[in-house]
Amino acid sequence: MIEIRKTLDGSHTLFVPELNEHYHSSFGAVQESLHVFIEAGLRIIQKRQEVINVLEVGFGTGLNALLTAIHSFGHVIYYTGVEAFPLDWEITKKLNYPAFLDYANSGAIFSKIHHAGWEQEYTITKNFTLLKIKAKMENFVPETNTYDLVYFDAFAPEVQPELWTKEVFGKLHNALTRGGLLLTYSSKGLVKQNLRASGFEVKRIAGPPGKRHMLRAVKQN
């Protein structure tokens, strides 16, 4: 049974005993998501364009979607989240993200994100539109040259090796626009190798607290 656990920054994560895996860093769930996806990815794209298309691999708790909506800062964001095993609202409603973030509308936004149906676009805020797709990433074929940003937030390569392959990264490379970014918390050698084999230019950058490095991959052509 999935367990709710508090991470070192005070925010919640989920723990899956059968996999011995957390959904987020035990050093800080919100801290990790802000560092890896918002600061190292969204902020860069926001500097160069007003309309942004985001694809998340591993929608999970909806934390990355919530943070992206909150940090849209006037930009128009179309957000697609792919998840093979959606979480039940009875679990996610117990997560403390809205209270932890202390943002006026975070509770309402978080609820809308999780009550939005699947396979259909929903307007969450005036700047943030969400499309949730229930599918395994191995079977999902994203549209080419569509996304400006990919949040790759699957379980670790040891837990879900089928998602960290050259084939999956190749699909994501095709899905990105020129200059688009793929962000992931993992900096393992095999991940770097498969990203480069898929056409990405890969850079290892400073990771969030508790982790020395993460990866930012760029589609150059």
C-alpha atoms as a PDB file:
ATOM      1  CA  MET A   1       0.000   0.000   0.000  1.00  0.00           C
ATOM      2  CA  ILE A   2       1.263   3.466  -0.883  1.00  0.00           C
ATOM      3  CA  GLU A   3       2.453   5.477   2.117  1.00  0.00           C
ATOM      4  CA  ILE A   4       2.585   9.245   2.610  1.00  0.00           C
ATOM      5  CA  ARG A   5       5.927  10.368   3.992  1.00  0.00           C
ATOM      6  CA  LYS A   6       7.295  13.779   4.953  1.00  0.00           C
ATOM      7  CA  THR A   7      10.548  14.776   3.257  1.00  0.00           C
ATOM      8  CA  LEU A   8      13.293  16.874   4.817  1.00  0.00           C
ATOM      9  CA  ASP A   9      11.932  20.192   3.505  1.00  0.00           C
ATOM     10  CA  GLY A  10       8.575  19.434   5.153  1.00  0.00           C
ATOM     11  CA  SER A  11       6.651  18.578   1.991  1.00  0.00           C
ATOM     12  CA  HIS A  12       5.102  15.173   1.362  1.00  0.00           C
ATOM     13  CA  THR A  13       6.052  12.413  -1.002  1.00  0.00           C
ATOM     14  CA  LEU A  14       4.658   8.942  -1.590  1.00  0.00           C
ATOM     15  CA  PHE A  15       6.493   5.692  -0.931  1.00  0.00           C
ATOM     16  CA  VAL A  16       5.760   2.459  -2.784  1.00  0.00           C
ATOM     17  CA  PRO A  17       6.885  -0.474  -0.586  1.00  0.00           C
ATOM     18  CA  GLU A  18       6.683  -3.054  -3.398  1.00  0.00           C
ATOM     19  CA  LEU A  19       9.189  -1.032  -5.414  1.00  0.00           C
ATOM     20  CA  ASN A  20      11.083   0.416  -2.449  1.00  0.00           C
ATOM     21  CA  GLU A  21      10.795   3.730  -4.253  1.00  0.00           C
ATOM     22  CA  HIS A  22       9.716   7.281  -3.408  1.00  0.00           C
ATOM     23  CA  TYR A  23       7.904   9.552  -5.857  1.00  0.00           C
ATOM     24  CA  HIS A  24      10.267  12.404  -4.954  1.00  0.00           C
ATOM     25  CA  SER A  25      13.559  13.033  -3.215  1.00  0.00           C
ATOM     26  CA  SER A  26      13.483  12.287   0.501  1.00  0.00           C
ATOM     27  CA  PHE A  27      15.595  15.440   0.937  1.00  0.00           C
ATOM     28  CA  GLY A  28      12.637  17.565  -0.188  1.00  0.00           C
ATOM     29  CA  ALA A  29       9.842  16.902  -2.652  1.00  0.00           C
ATOM     30  CA  VAL A  30       8.919  20.509  -3.471  1.00  0.00           C
ATOM     31  CA  GLN A  31      12.563  21.579  -3.249  1.00  0.00           C
ATOM     32  CA  GLU A  32      13.548  18.945  -5.833  1.00  0.00           C
ATOM     33  CA  SER A  33      10.730  19.755  -8.261  1.00  0.00           C
ATOM     34  CA  LEU A  34      11.428  23.482  -8.124  1.00  0.00           C
ATOM     35  CA  HIS A  35      15.140  22.955  -8.747  1.00  0.00           C
ATOM     36  CA  VAL A  36      14.992  20.292 -11.463  1.00  0.00           C
ATOM     37  CA  PHE A  37      11.988  21.351 -13.502  1.00  0.00           C
ATOM     38  CA  ILE A  38      11.095  24.972 -12.730  1.00  0.00           C
ATOM     39  CA  GLU A  39      14.464  26.652 -12.193  1.00  0.00           C
ATOM     40  CA  ALA A  40      16.506  24.486 -14.596  1.00  0.00           C
ATOM     41  CA  GLY A  41      13.849  24.270 -17.293  1.00  0.00           C
ATOM     42  CA  LEU A  42      10.730  26.436 -17.212  1.00  0.00           C
ATOM     43  CA  ARG A  43      12.610  29.623 -16.291  1.00  0.00           C
ATOM     44  CA  ILE A  44      14.865  29.267 -19.341  1.00  0.00           C
ATOM     45  CA  ILE A  45      11.988  28.782 -21.784  1.00  0.00           C
ATOM     46  CA  GLN A  46      10.048  31.669 -20.211  1.00  0.00           C
ATOM     47  CA  LYS A  47      12.878  34.044 -21.104  1.00  0.00           C
ATOM     48  CA  ARG A  48      12.417  33.425 -24.810  1.00  0.00           C
ATOM     49  CA  GLN A  49       8.704  32.885 -25.468  1.00  0.00           C
ATOM     50  CA  GLU A  50       5.223  33.614 -24.162  1.00  0.00           C
ATOM     51  CA  VAL A  51       3.436  30.380 -25.122  1.00  0.00           C
ATOM     52  CA  ILE A  52       4.989  27.165 -23.790  1.00  0.00           C
ATOM     53  CA  ASN A  53       4.115  23.526 -24.393  1.00  0.00           C
ATOM     54  CA  VAL A  54       5.217  21.149 -21.645  1.00  0.00           C
ATOM     55  CA  LEU A  55       5.211  17.340 -21.676  1.00  0.00           C
ATOM     56  CA  GLU A  56       5.642  15.481 -18.389  1.00  0.00           C
ATOM     57  CA  VAL A  57       6.631  11.814 -18.329  1.00  0.00           C
ATOM     58  CA  GLY A  58       5.377  10.466 -15.010  1.00  0.00           C
ATOM     59  CA  PHE A  59       2.521  12.749 -13.943  1.00  0.00           C
ATOM     60  CA  GLY A  60       2.439  11.117 -10.503  1.00  0.00           C
ATOM     61  CA  THR A  61       1.206  13.321  -7.672  1.00  0.00           C
ATOM     62  CA  GLY A  62       0.650  16.331  -9.916  1.00  0.00           C
ATOM     63  CA  LEU A  63       3.272  18.346  -8.019  1.00  0.00           C
ATOM     64  CA  ASN A  64       5.169  19.397 -11.144  1.00  0.00           C
ATOM     65  CA  ALA A  65       1.942  20.483 -12.827  1.00  0.00           C
ATOM     66  CA  LEU A  66       0.916  22.470  -9.747  1.00  0.00           C
ATOM     67  CA  LEU A  67       4.278  24.248  -9.533  1.00  0.00           C
ATOM     68  CA  THR A  68       4.240  25.004 -13.256  1.00  0.00           C
ATOM     69  CA  ALA A  69       0.760  26.516 -13.013  1.00  0.00           C
ATOM     70  CA  ILE A  70       1.786  28.640 -10.032  1.00  0.00           C
ATOM     71  CA  HIS A  71       4.979  29.784 -11.741  1.00  0.00           C
ATOM     72  CA  SER A  72       3.434  30.536 -15.122  1.00  0.00           C
ATOM     73  CA  PHE A  73       3.938  34.276 -14.425  1.00  0.00           C
ATOM     74  CA  GLY A  74       1.701  35.444 -17.247  1.00  0.00           C
ATOM     75  CA  HIS A  75       2.974  32.944 -19.793  1.00  0.00           C
ATOM     76  CA  VAL A  76       0.413  30.723 -21.523  1.00  0.00           C
ATOM     77  CA  ILE A  77       1.201  27.093 -20.753  1.00  0.00           C
ATOM     78  CA  TYR A  78      -0.236  23.971 -22.367  1.00  0.00           C
ATOM     79  CA  TYR A  79       0.693  21.046 -20.158  1.00  0.00           C
ATOM     80  CA  THR A  80       0.453  17.372 -21.119  1.00  0.00           C
ATOM     81  CA  GLY A  81       1.030  14.742 -18.441  1.00  0.00           C
ATOM     82  CA  VAL A  82       1.492  11.055 -19.302  1.00  0.00           C
ATOM     83  CA  GLU A  83       0.824   8.531 -16.543  1.00  0.00           C
ATOM     84  CA  ALA A  84       0.333   4.766 -16.756  1.00  0.00           C
ATOM     85  CA  PHE A  85      -0.913   4.338 -13.194  1.00  0.00           C
ATOM     86  CA  PRO A  86      -2.964   7.345 -12.034  1.00  0.00           C
ATOM     87  CA  LEU A  87      -3.246   7.973  -8.318  1.00  0.00           C
ATOM     88  CA  ASP A  88      -6.600   8.102  -6.576  1.00  0.00           C
ATOM     89  CA  TRP A  89      -7.799  11.460  -5.233  1.00  0.00           C
ATOM     90  CA  GLU A  90      -8.278   9.792  -1.843  1.00  0.00           C
ATOM     91  CA  ILE A  91      -4.485   9.598  -1.688  1.00  0.00           C
ATOM     92  CA  THR A  92      -3.464  12.840  -3.388  1.00  0.00           C
ATOM     93  CA  LYS A  93      -5.888  15.014  -1.416  1.00  0.00           C
ATOM     94  CA  LYS A  94      -3.891  14.160   1.727  1.00  0.00           C
ATOM     95  CA  LEU A  95      -0.658  15.591   0.321  1.00  0.00           C
ATOM     96  CA  ASN A  96       0.323  18.872   1.948  1.00  0.00           C
ATOM     97  CA  TYR A  97       1.501  20.760  -1.155  1.00  0.00           C
ATOM     98  CA  PRO A  98      -1.162  23.512  -1.093  1.00  0.00           C
ATOM     99  CA  ALA A  99      -0.531  24.334   2.566  1.00  0.00           C
ATOM    100  CA  PHE A 100       3.234  23.973   2.212  1.00  0.00           C
ATOM    101  CA  LEU A 101       3.426  26.325  -0.782  1.00  0.00           C
ATOM    102  CA  ASP A 102       1.340  28.998   0.943  1.00  0.00           C
ATOM    103  CA  TYR A 103       0.045  30.270  -2.395  1.00  0.00           C
ATOM    104  CA  ALA A 104      -3.459  31.745  -2.311  1.00  0.00           C
ATOM    105  CA  ASN A 105      -5.028  29.518  -4.971  1.00  0.00           C
ATOM    106  CA  SER A 106      -2.804  26.431  -4.708  1.00  0.00           C
ATOM    107  CA  GLY A 107      -5.489  24.296  -3.064  1.00  0.00           C
ATOM    108  CA  ALA A 108      -8.058  25.057  -5.754  1.00  0.00           C
ATOM    109  CA  ILE A 109      -5.510  24.550  -8.539  1.00  0.00           C
ATOM    110  CA  PHE A 110      -4.349  21.227  -7.087  1.00  0.00           C
ATOM    111  CA  SER A 111      -7.930  20.010  -6.801  1.00  0.00           C
ATOM    112  CA  LYS A 112      -8.731  21.043 -10.383  1.00  0.00           C
ATOM    113  CA  ILE A 113      -5.621  19.266 -11.648  1.00  0.00           C
ATOM    114  CA  HIS A 114      -6.684  15.999 -10.055  1.00  0.00           C
ATOM    115  CA  HIS A 115     -10.384  16.263 -10.876  1.00  0.00           C
ATOM    116  CA  ALA A 116      -9.712  17.004 -14.535  1.00  0.00           C
ATOM    117  CA  GLY A 117     -10.689  14.030 -16.673  1.00  0.00           C
ATOM    118  CA  TRP A 118      -8.292  12.068 -18.830  1.00  0.00           C
ATOM    119  CA  GLU A 119      -7.764  12.383 -22.591  1.00  0.00           C
ATOM    120  CA  GLN A 120      -9.370  15.844 -22.697  1.00  0.00           C
ATOM    121  CA  GLU A 121      -8.029  19.378 -22.295  1.00  0.00           C
ATOM    122  CA  TYR A 122      -9.116  21.332 -19.218  1.00  0.00           C
ATOM    123  CA  THR A 123      -8.569  24.983 -18.341  1.00  0.00           C
ATOM    124  CA  ILE A 124      -7.096  25.021 -14.834  1.00  0.00           C
ATOM    125  CA  THR A 125      -6.267  28.738 -14.704  1.00  0.00           C
ATOM    126  CA  LYS A 126      -6.472  31.449 -17.352  1.00  0.00           C
ATOM    127  CA  ASN A 127      -2.822  30.730 -18.236  1.00  0.00           C
ATOM    128  CA  PHE A 128      -2.645  26.964 -17.704  1.00  0.00           C
ATOM    129  CA  THR A 129      -4.369  24.273 -19.772  1.00  0.00           C
ATOM    130  CA  LEU A 130      -3.983  20.613 -18.818  1.00  0.00           C
ATOM    131  CA  LEU A 131      -4.247  17.409 -20.826  1.00  0.00           C
ATOM    132  CA  LYS A 132      -3.745  14.161 -18.896  1.00  0.00           C
ATOM    133  CA  ILE A 133      -3.090  11.012 -20.894  1.00  0.00           C
ATOM    134  CA  LYS A 134      -3.341   7.568 -19.341  1.00  0.00           C
ATOM    135  CA  ALA A 135      -0.749   5.489 -21.180  1.00  0.00           C
ATOM    136  CA  LYS A 136       2.549   3.709 -20.827  1.00  0.00           C
ATOM    137  CA  MET A 137       5.313   5.841 -22.255  1.00  0.00           C
ATOM    138  CA  GLU A 138       6.522   2.903 -24.338  1.00  0.00           C
ATOM    139  CA  ASN A 139       3.167   2.981 -26.170  1.00  0.00           C
ATOM    140  CA  PHE A 140       2.634   6.743 -26.270  1.00  0.00           C
ATOM    141  CA  VAL A 141       3.550   8.520 -29.507  1.00  0.00           C
ATOM    142  CA  PRO A 142       3.765  12.302 -28.970  1.00  0.00           C
ATOM    143  CA  GLU A 143       3.297  14.728 -31.842  1.00  0.00           C
ATOM    144  CA  THR A 144       6.536  15.791 -33.498  1.00  0.00           C
ATOM    145  CA  ASN A 145       8.025  19.272 -33.045  1.00  0.00           C
ATOM    146  CA  THR A 146       5.362  20.211 -30.511  1.00  0.00           C
ATOM    147  CA  TYR A 147       6.832  20.567 -27.024  1.00  0.00           C
ATOM    148  CA  ASP A 148       9.277  23.167 -25.755  1.00  0.00           C
ATOM    149  CA  LEU A 149       9.995  21.393 -22.510  1.00  0.00           C
ATOM    150  CA  VAL A 150       9.975  17.788 -21.285  1.00  0.00           C
ATOM    151  CA  TYR A 151       9.892  16.966 -17.577  1.00  0.00           C
ATOM    152  CA  PHE A 152      11.243  13.424 -17.398  1.00  0.00           C
ATOM    153  CA  ASP A 153      10.130  12.335 -13.931  1.00  0.00           C
ATOM    154  CA  ALA A 154       9.754   8.571 -14.156  1.00  0.00           C
ATOM    155  CA  PHE A 155      10.844   6.261 -11.352  1.00  0.00           C
ATOM    156  CA  ALA A 156      14.586   5.595 -11.244  1.00  0.00           C
ATOM    157  CA  PRO A 157      16.275   3.608 -14.038  1.00  0.00           C
ATOM    158  CA  GLU A 158      16.708   0.643 -11.693  1.00  0.00           C
ATOM    159  CA  VAL A 159      12.960   0.560 -11.063  1.00  0.00           C
ATOM    160  CA  GLN A 160      11.616   1.399 -14.538  1.00  0.00           C
ATOM    161  CA  PRO A 161      14.453   0.588 -16.967  1.00  0.00           C
ATOM    162  CA  GLU A 162      11.991   0.365 -19.865  1.00  0.00           C
ATOM    163  CA  LEU A 163      11.467   4.149 -19.717  1.00  0.00           C
ATOM    164  CA  TRP A 164      15.100   5.261 -19.819  1.00  0.00           C
ATOM    165  CA  THR A 165      15.896   3.805 -23.213  1.00  0.00           C
ATOM    166  CA  LYS A 166      17.220   5.206 -26.477  1.00  0.00           C
ATOM    167  CA  GLU A 167      13.830   4.422 -28.046  1.00  0.00           C
ATOM    168  CA  VAL A 168      11.849   6.458 -25.515  1.00  0.00           C
ATOM    169  CA  PHE A 169      14.324   9.344 -25.588  1.00  0.00           C
ATOM    170  CA  GLY A 170      14.222   9.242 -29.387  1.00  0.00           C
ATOM    171  CA  LYS A 171      10.462   9.799 -29.316  1.00  0.00           C
ATOM    172  CA  LEU A 172      10.930  12.706 -26.954  1.00  0.00           C
ATOM    173  CA  HIS A 173      13.650  14.201 -29.131  1.00  0.00           C
ATOM    174  CA  ASN A 174      11.257  14.102 -32.087  1.00  0.00           C
ATOM    175  CA  ALA A 175       8.503  15.630 -29.962  1.00  0.00           C
ATOM    176  CA  LEU A 176      10.557  18.668 -28.941  1.00  0.00           C
ATOM    177  CA  THR A 177      10.867  21.887 -30.903  1.00  0.00           C
ATOM    178  CA  ARG A 178      14.333  23.033 -31.929  1.00  0.00           C
ATOM    179  CA  GLY A 179      16.110  24.318 -28.839  1.00  0.00           C
ATOM    180  CA  GLY A 180      13.678  22.445 -26.598  1.00  0.00           C
ATOM    181  CA  LEU A 181      14.843  21.093 -23.252  1.00  0.00           C
ATOM    182  CA  LEU A 182      14.513  17.759 -21.468  1.00  0.00           C
ATOM    183  CA  LEU A 183      15.134  17.832 -17.714  1.00  0.00           C
ATOM    184  CA  THR A 184      15.645  14.876 -15.420  1.00  0.00           C
ATOM    185  CA  TYR A 185      16.882  14.351 -11.882  1.00  0.00           C
ATOM    186  CA  SER A 186      18.983  11.346 -12.932  1.00  0.00           C
ATOM    187  CA  SER A 187      22.608  11.781 -13.985  1.00  0.00           C
ATOM    188  CA  LYS A 188      23.510   8.120 -14.446  1.00  0.00           C
ATOM    189  CA  GLY A 189      25.939   7.222 -17.189  1.00  0.00           C
ATOM    190  CA  LEU A 190      23.455   5.030 -19.038  1.00  0.00           C
ATOM    191  CA  VAL A 191      20.915   7.872 -19.076  1.00  0.00           C
ATOM    192  CA  LYS A 192      23.459  10.283 -20.540  1.00  0.00           C
ATOM    193  CA  GLN A 193      24.511   7.684 -23.085  1.00  0.00           C
ATOM    194  CA  ASN A 194      20.944   6.992 -24.242  1.00  0.00           C
ATOM    195  CA  LEU A 195      20.083  10.682 -24.426  1.00  0.00           C
ATOM    196  CA  ARG A 196      23.129  11.402 -26.580  1.00  0.00           C
ATOM    197  CA  ALA A 197      22.404   8.390 -28.787  1.00  0.00           C
ATOM    198  CA  SER A 198      18.938   9.879 -29.364  1.00  0.00           C
ATOM    199  CA  GLY A 199      20.337  13.142 -30.696  1.00  0.00           C
ATOM    200  CA  PHE A 200      20.425  15.304 -27.573  1.00  0.00           C
ATOM    201  CA  GLU A 201      23.240  17.530 -26.446  1.00  0.00           C
ATOM    202  CA  VAL A 202      23.535  16.626 -22.769  1.00  0.00           C
ATOM    203  CA  LYS A 203      24.913  18.689 -19.915  1.00  0.00           C
ATOM    204  CA  ARG A 204      25.352  17.609 -16.314  1.00  0.00           C
ATOM    205  CA  ILE A 205      24.429  20.463 -13.985  1.00  0.00           C
ATOM    206  CA  ALA A 206      24.135  20.949 -10.224  1.00  0.00           C
ATOM    207  CA  GLY A 207      21.392  18.856  -8.680  1.00  0.00           C
ATOM    208  CA  PRO A 208      18.956  19.687  -5.887  1.00  0.00           C
ATOM    209  CA  PRO A 209      19.940  19.323  -2.218  1.00  0.00           C
ATOM    210  CA  GLY A 210      20.950  15.738  -1.505  1.00  0.00           C
ATOM    211  CA  LYS A 211      21.994  15.089  -5.099  1.00  0.00           C
ATOM    212  CA  ARG A 212      25.206  16.345  -6.709  1.00  0.00           C
ATOM    213  CA  HIS A 213      24.074  16.378 -10.329  1.00  0.00           C
ATOM    214  CA  MET A 214      21.100  16.261 -12.704  1.00  0.00           C
ATOM    215  CA  LEU A 215      20.828  16.379 -16.486  1.00  0.00           C
ATOM    216  CA  ARG A 216      19.621  18.984 -18.937  1.00  0.00           C
ATOM    217  CA  ALA A 217      19.380  17.818 -22.550  1.00  0.00           C
ATOM    218  CA  VAL A 218      18.902  20.131 -25.541  1.00  0.00           C
ATOM    219  CA  LYS A 219      17.519  19.399 -28.983  1.00  0.00           C
ATOM    220  CA  GLN A 220      19.844  21.320 -31.272  1.00  0.00           C
ATOM    221  CA  ASN A 221      18.399  20.271 -34.658  1.00  0.00           C
END
